Amino acid sequence: MRIAVLSIVALSALALVGCEDLPFRVEHGWTEERALRYTWLTPRPEVPEPAYCYRTLAQQDCYTRPQPRQATRLVGYIGPEPF
């Protein structure tokens, strides 16, 4: 029984070694830009994280959500309109 378990473990380890040799590895010169150019893949959508920046006494403070009752201090934002 023990020999059977050890042989199954050894065979599965040998089978997994073959998975390491992928054709799109960086060592073979493939980068994300090259893979997008020469294959059917589409680029990843770049969705910026919302940021709402407000004027303070020192530096600007930025938040991921609009701050209520702070519209007069708003300096700039990325994302949907805050108000």
Protein backbone atom coordinates (compact mmCIF):
# COMPACT_ATOMS: atom_id res chain seq x y z
CA MET A 1 0.00 0.00 0.00
CA ARG A 2 2.79 2.39 0.92
CA ILE A 3 4.62 1.68 -2.34
CA ALA A 4 1.45 2.46 -4.31
CA VAL A 5 1.02 5.82 -2.58
CA LEU A 6 4.67 6.73 -3.12
CA SER A 7 4.49 5.78 -6.80
CA ILE A 8 1.34 7.90 -7.31
CA VAL A 9 3.03 10.88 -5.66
CA ALA A 10 6.14 10.41 -7.79
CA LEU A 11 4.14 10.10 -11.01
CA SER A 12 2.10 13.21 -10.26
CA ALA A 13 5.28 15.15 -9.47
CA LEU A 14 6.74 14.10 -12.83
CA ALA A 15 3.53 15.10 -14.60
CA LEU A 16 3.57 18.56 -13.03
CA VAL A 17 7.16 19.20 -14.10
CA GLY A 18 5.96 19.42 -17.71
CA CYS A 19 3.58 22.26 -16.85
CA GLU A 20 6.46 24.61 -16.17
CA ASP A 21 7.53 24.95 -19.80
CA LEU A 22 4.99 27.53 -20.99
CA PRO A 23 5.43 29.12 -24.44
CA PHE A 24 4.79 32.69 -23.24
CA ARG A 25 7.47 32.90 -20.56
CA VAL A 26 9.48 36.06 -20.06
CA GLU A 27 12.70 34.08 -20.53
CA HIS A 28 11.60 33.41 -24.12
CA GLY A 29 11.21 37.13 -24.79
CA TRP A 30 7.45 37.36 -24.29
CA THR A 31 6.16 40.45 -22.56
CA GLU A 32 2.57 41.56 -22.10
CA GLU A 33 2.96 44.08 -24.93
CA ARG A 34 4.34 41.46 -27.33
CA ALA A 35 1.65 38.93 -26.41
CA LEU A 36 -1.05 41.53 -27.13
CA ARG A 37 0.52 42.45 -30.46
CA TYR A 38 0.98 38.91 -31.83
CA THR A 39 -1.95 36.99 -30.32
CA TRP A 40 -5.71 37.25 -30.11
CA LEU A 41 -5.61 38.56 -26.54
CA THR A 42 -7.18 41.91 -25.74
CA PRO A 43 -5.60 44.44 -23.38
CA ARG A 44 -6.71 44.58 -19.77
CA PRO A 45 -9.15 47.39 -19.08
CA GLU A 46 -7.52 50.09 -17.01
CA VAL A 47 -10.06 51.50 -14.60
CA PRO A 48 -8.53 54.11 -12.33
CA GLU A 49 -9.54 54.10 -8.69
CA PRO A 50 -11.71 57.13 -7.88
CA ALA A 51 -9.94 59.93 -6.05
CA TYR A 52 -11.41 63.16 -4.70
CA CYS A 53 -8.84 65.71 -3.49
CA TYR A 54 -9.66 68.59 -1.13
CA ARG A 55 -7.68 71.67 -0.13
CA THR A 56 -6.45 71.75 3.48
CA LEU A 57 -4.08 74.00 5.43
CA ALA A 58 -1.01 71.96 4.44
CA GLN A 59 -1.24 69.46 1.59
CA GLN A 60 -4.23 68.22 -0.33
CA ASP A 61 -6.11 65.30 1.19
CA CYS A 62 -7.46 62.69 -1.22
CA TYR A 63 -10.26 60.22 -0.53
CA THR A 64 -11.85 57.38 -2.50
CA ARG A 65 -15.35 58.81 -1.92
CA PRO A 66 -16.63 62.38 -2.15
CA GLN A 67 -16.75 64.09 1.23
CA PRO A 68 -20.14 65.53 2.17
CA ARG A 69 -20.38 69.33 2.58
CA GLN A 70 -16.86 69.88 1.22
CA ALA A 71 -17.65 70.97 -2.34
CA THR A 72 -16.04 74.39 -1.87
CA ARG A 73 -12.69 72.79 -0.97
CA LEU A 74 -12.65 70.31 -3.89
CA VAL A 75 -9.47 70.74 -5.93
CA GLY A 76 -9.82 67.87 -8.42
CA TYR A 77 -11.16 64.38 -8.90
CA ILE A 78 -10.82 61.19 -10.93
CA GLY A 79 -14.00 59.18 -11.40
CA PRO A 80 -17.67 60.10 -11.42
CA GLU A 81 -18.72 63.65 -10.61
CA PRO A 82 -18.96 64.06 -6.86
CA PHE A 83 -21.99 66.35 -6.68
